Protein backbone atom coordinates (compact mmCIF):
# COMPACT_ATOMS: atom_id res chain seq x y z
CA UNK A 1 -8.20 -90.71 -0.33
CA UNK A 2 -5.45 -89.92 -3.06
CA UNK A 3 -1.58 -89.64 -2.50
CA UNK A 4 -1.69 -86.34 -3.64
CA UNK A 5 -4.13 -85.10 -1.36
CA UNK A 6 -2.56 -86.56 1.64
CA UNK A 7 0.89 -85.07 0.20
CA UNK A 8 -0.58 -81.95 0.50
CA UNK A 9 -1.78 -81.74 3.77
CA UNK A 10 1.10 -83.30 5.26
CA UNK A 11 2.80 -80.89 2.97
CA UNK A 12 1.36 -77.51 4.55
CA UNK A 13 1.06 -79.13 8.08
CA UNK A 14 4.92 -79.53 7.73
CA UNK A 15 5.15 -75.41 6.92
CA UNK A 16 2.76 -74.25 9.15
CA UNK A 17 4.30 -75.82 12.26
CA UNK A 18 7.70 -74.96 11.25
CA UNK A 19 7.18 -71.47 10.64
CA UNK A 20 4.77 -70.89 13.63
CA UNK A 21 7.41 -72.82 15.81
CA UNK A 22 10.06 -70.90 14.21
CA UNK A 23 12.29 -73.83 13.85
CA UNK A 24 16.16 -73.48 12.78
CA UNK A 25 15.63 -76.97 11.18
CA UNK A 26 13.17 -75.11 9.02
CA UNK A 27 13.95 -71.09 8.79
CA UNK A 28 17.29 -72.03 8.29
CA UNK A 29 17.19 -74.07 4.91
CA UNK A 30 18.46 -72.49 1.76
CA UNK A 31 15.18 -71.66 0.37
CA UNK A 32 13.65 -70.21 3.30
CA UNK A 33 16.62 -67.79 3.76
CA UNK A 34 16.22 -66.76 0.05
CA UNK A 35 12.19 -66.25 1.14
CA UNK A 36 13.80 -64.16 3.93
CA UNK A 37 15.80 -61.86 2.01
CA UNK A 38 13.29 -61.72 -0.65
CA UNK A 39 10.63 -60.27 2.01
CA UNK A 40 13.13 -58.33 4.43
CA UNK A 41 12.38 -60.34 7.83
CA UNK A 42 12.55 -63.58 9.13
CA UNK A 43 8.92 -62.49 10.32
CA UNK A 44 7.78 -61.80 7.00
CA UNK A 45 8.98 -64.96 5.58
CA UNK A 46 7.38 -67.00 8.58
CA UNK A 47 3.64 -64.87 8.11
CA UNK A 48 4.07 -66.29 4.35
CA UNK A 49 4.88 -69.48 5.23
CA UNK A 50 2.13 -70.12 7.05
CA UNK A 51 -0.23 -68.50 4.72
CA UNK A 52 1.29 -71.10 1.85
CA UNK A 53 0.73 -73.79 4.20
CA UNK A 54 -2.95 -73.02 5.32
CA UNK A 55 -3.42 -72.89 0.99
CA UNK A 56 -1.63 -76.35 0.90
CA UNK A 57 -3.68 -77.50 3.34
CA UNK A 58 -6.88 -76.41 1.48
CA UNK A 59 -6.22 -77.66 -1.50
CA UNK A 60 -5.32 -81.08 -0.03
CA UNK A 61 -9.00 -81.32 2.05
CA UNK A 62 -10.81 -79.70 -1.22
CA UNK A 63 -9.41 -83.03 -3.32
CA UNK A 64 -9.79 -85.09 -0.89
CA UNK A 65 -13.23 -84.64 -0.42
CA UNK A 66 -13.49 -84.35 -4.67
CA UNK A 67 -14.38 -80.94 -4.72
CA UNK A 68 -10.66 -80.54 -6.88
CA UNK A 69 -8.88 -82.84 -8.99
CA UNK A 70 -5.29 -83.02 -8.73
CA UNK A 71 -4.91 -85.16 -11.62
């Protein structure tokens, strides 16, 4: 398993957990507050981060299986 795949999976999991549990350490960061302002609410920003996290995990798994090359 490549290092890039591991990083994608871990980053995706952090995004999913932080957004799902609505943790202040995640949702009060500067970039997350920007997403909240752009999307109009904290709930929408959380949903967007969950989707991005799922995409990152899926890409990491596909890279680990050799389906895609992070190269």
